[in-house]
């Protein structure tokens, strides 16, 4: 499993396919330009990904 910013999702899927792991689960998190995130935004992004990560780790996708 890989956490991937939204801006890089297409690249992540392409790279996974190229390296023969097209079934690699990618968990999308929002993209914030460097230094552009407000206080607490990264925490909110992480909390939003927790359920997706848990589902993948327990195979409840």
N, C-alpha and C. Protein backbone atom coordinates (compact mmCIF):
# COMPACT_ATOMS: atom_id res chain seq x y z
N UNK A 1 0.83 -1.16 0.00
CA UNK A 1 0.00 0.00 0.00
C UNK A 1 0.89 1.23 0.00
N UNK A 2 0.40 2.25 -0.71
CA UNK A 2 1.13 3.50 -0.80
C UNK A 2 0.16 4.66 -0.62
N UNK A 3 0.53 5.62 0.22
CA UNK A 3 -0.21 6.87 0.31
C UNK A 3 0.28 7.76 -0.80
N UNK A 4 -0.64 8.35 -1.53
CA UNK A 4 -0.26 9.11 -2.72
C UNK A 4 -1.09 10.39 -2.80
N UNK A 5 -0.41 11.51 -2.96
CA UNK A 5 -1.14 12.76 -3.11
C UNK A 5 -1.93 12.73 -4.41
N UNK A 6 -3.09 13.39 -4.38
CA UNK A 6 -4.01 13.36 -5.52
C UNK A 6 -3.33 13.75 -6.83
N UNK A 7 -2.43 14.70 -6.79
CA UNK A 7 -1.76 15.16 -8.00
C UNK A 7 -0.88 14.07 -8.63
N UNK A 8 -0.48 13.06 -7.85
CA UNK A 8 0.41 12.02 -8.35
C UNK A 8 -0.27 10.66 -8.55
N UNK A 9 -1.59 10.59 -8.43
CA UNK A 9 -2.29 9.30 -8.53
C UNK A 9 -2.09 8.65 -9.90
N UNK A 10 -2.23 9.40 -10.97
CA UNK A 10 -2.06 8.81 -12.30
C UNK A 10 -0.65 8.28 -12.47
N UNK A 11 0.34 9.04 -12.03
CA UNK A 11 1.73 8.60 -12.10
C UNK A 11 1.94 7.34 -11.25
N UNK A 12 1.36 7.31 -10.07
CA UNK A 12 1.49 6.14 -9.20
C UNK A 12 0.94 4.88 -9.85
N UNK A 13 -0.23 5.00 -10.47
CA UNK A 13 -0.83 3.84 -11.15
C UNK A 13 0.04 3.38 -12.33
N UNK A 14 0.55 4.34 -13.08
CA UNK A 14 1.41 4.02 -14.22
C UNK A 14 2.68 3.33 -13.77
N UNK A 15 3.32 3.86 -12.73
CA UNK A 15 4.56 3.27 -12.22
C UNK A 15 4.30 1.87 -11.65
N UNK A 16 3.21 1.70 -10.92
CA UNK A 16 2.90 0.38 -10.37
C UNK A 16 2.73 -0.64 -11.50
N UNK A 17 2.02 -0.23 -12.55
CA UNK A 17 1.83 -1.13 -13.70
C UNK A 17 3.17 -1.44 -14.36
N UNK A 18 4.02 -0.44 -14.55
CA UNK A 18 5.32 -0.62 -15.19
C UNK A 18 6.18 -1.62 -14.41
N UNK A 19 6.13 -1.54 -13.08
CA UNK A 19 6.94 -2.43 -12.26
C UNK A 19 6.26 -3.76 -11.94
N UNK A 20 5.12 -4.02 -12.59
CA UNK A 20 4.45 -5.32 -12.45
C UNK A 20 3.64 -5.49 -11.18
N UNK A 21 3.28 -4.39 -10.56
CA UNK A 21 2.46 -4.48 -9.33
C UNK A 21 1.21 -3.61 -9.49
N UNK A 22 0.51 -3.81 -10.59
CA UNK A 22 -0.65 -2.98 -10.89
C UNK A 22 -1.75 -3.10 -9.84
N UNK A 23 -1.70 -4.14 -9.02
CA UNK A 23 -2.72 -4.28 -7.97
C UNK A 23 -2.32 -3.58 -6.67
N UNK A 24 -1.19 -2.85 -6.70
CA UNK A 24 -0.75 -2.11 -5.51
C UNK A 24 -1.83 -1.14 -5.08
N UNK A 25 -2.33 -1.26 -3.86
CA UNK A 25 -3.35 -0.31 -3.40
C UNK A 25 -2.74 1.08 -3.20
N UNK A 26 -3.38 2.07 -3.79
CA UNK A 26 -2.98 3.46 -3.61
C UNK A 26 -4.08 4.17 -2.83
N UNK A 27 -3.72 4.79 -1.74
CA UNK A 27 -4.66 5.56 -0.95
C UNK A 27 -4.42 7.03 -1.27
N UNK A 28 -5.45 7.68 -1.81
CA UNK A 28 -5.30 9.06 -2.24
C UNK A 28 -5.49 10.02 -1.06
N UNK A 29 -4.56 10.96 -0.96
CA UNK A 29 -4.68 12.03 0.03
C UNK A 29 -4.60 13.35 -0.74
N UNK A 30 -5.24 14.40 -0.22
CA UNK A 30 -5.24 15.67 -0.94
C UNK A 30 -3.84 16.24 -1.12
N UNK A 31 -3.68 17.01 -2.18
CA UNK A 31 -2.39 17.66 -2.47
C UNK A 31 -2.44 19.09 -1.96
N UNK A 32 -1.39 19.50 -1.27
CA UNK A 32 -1.23 20.89 -0.84
C UNK A 32 0.10 21.38 -1.41
N UNK A 33 0.08 22.49 -2.12
CA UNK A 33 1.36 23.03 -2.61
C UNK A 33 2.32 23.23 -1.43
N UNK A 34 3.60 23.12 -1.70
CA UNK A 34 4.60 23.24 -0.65
C UNK A 34 4.36 24.48 0.20
N UNK A 35 4.20 24.26 1.47
CA UNK A 35 3.99 25.36 2.40
C UNK A 35 2.61 25.97 2.34
N UNK A 36 1.72 25.41 1.53
CA UNK A 36 0.40 26.01 1.37
C UNK A 36 -0.67 25.46 2.28
N UNK A 37 -0.35 24.46 3.07
CA UNK A 37 -1.34 23.86 3.95
C UNK A 37 -1.52 24.73 5.20
N UNK A 38 -2.75 24.86 5.59
CA UNK A 38 -3.05 25.59 6.82
C UNK A 38 -2.84 24.68 8.02
N UNK A 39 -2.63 25.25 9.20
CA UNK A 39 -2.47 24.42 10.40
C UNK A 39 -3.65 23.45 10.55
N UNK A 40 -3.34 22.19 10.75
CA UNK A 40 -4.37 21.17 10.94
C UNK A 40 -4.81 20.46 9.68
N UNK A 41 -4.48 20.99 8.52
CA UNK A 41 -4.93 20.35 7.27
C UNK A 41 -4.30 18.97 7.07
N UNK A 42 -3.02 18.84 7.37
CA UNK A 42 -2.38 17.54 7.18
C UNK A 42 -2.97 16.50 8.13
N UNK A 43 -3.29 16.91 9.33
CA UNK A 43 -3.92 15.99 10.28
C UNK A 43 -5.29 15.55 9.74
N UNK A 44 -6.06 16.49 9.24
CA UNK A 44 -7.37 16.16 8.67
C UNK A 44 -7.21 15.21 7.49
N UNK A 45 -6.20 15.43 6.65
CA UNK A 45 -5.95 14.54 5.51
C UNK A 45 -5.64 13.13 5.99
N UNK A 46 -4.78 13.04 7.02
CA UNK A 46 -4.40 11.73 7.56
C UNK A 46 -5.61 11.03 8.17
N UNK A 47 -6.40 11.77 8.90
CA UNK A 47 -7.60 11.16 9.51
C UNK A 47 -8.56 10.67 8.43
N UNK A 48 -8.62 11.38 7.31
CA UNK A 48 -9.48 10.97 6.21
C UNK A 48 -9.01 9.69 5.54
N UNK A 49 -7.72 9.39 5.64
CA UNK A 49 -7.15 8.20 5.01
C UNK A 49 -7.17 6.98 5.92
N UNK A 50 -7.40 7.18 7.22
CA UNK A 50 -7.30 6.08 8.19
C UNK A 50 -8.24 4.92 7.85
N UNK A 51 -9.48 5.20 7.53
CA UNK A 51 -10.42 4.12 7.22
C UNK A 51 -10.00 3.35 5.97
N UNK A 52 -9.51 4.06 4.96
CA UNK A 52 -9.06 3.40 3.73
C UNK A 52 -7.85 2.50 4.02
N UNK A 53 -6.91 3.01 4.79
CA UNK A 53 -5.72 2.24 5.13
C UNK A 53 -6.13 1.00 5.95
N UNK A 54 -7.00 1.19 6.94
CA UNK A 54 -7.47 0.07 7.74
C UNK A 54 -8.15 -1.00 6.91
N UNK A 55 -8.95 -0.59 5.95
CA UNK A 55 -9.66 -1.54 5.09
C UNK A 55 -8.65 -2.35 4.26
N UNK A 56 -7.64 -1.68 3.75
CA UNK A 56 -6.63 -2.39 2.94
C UNK A 56 -5.84 -3.35 3.81
N UNK A 57 -5.43 -2.91 4.99
CA UNK A 57 -4.62 -3.76 5.85
C UNK A 57 -5.37 -4.98 6.37
N UNK A 58 -6.69 -4.86 6.47
CA UNK A 58 -7.49 -5.99 6.95
C UNK A 58 -8.24 -6.69 5.81
N UNK A 59 -7.89 -6.32 4.58
CA UNK A 59 -8.47 -6.91 3.38
C UNK A 59 -9.99 -6.75 3.31
N UNK A 60 -10.51 -5.63 3.81
CA UNK A 60 -11.96 -5.34 3.76
C UNK A 60 -12.24 -4.27 2.71
N UNK A 61 -11.61 -4.44 1.55
CA UNK A 61 -11.76 -3.45 0.47
C UNK A 61 -13.03 -3.72 -0.31
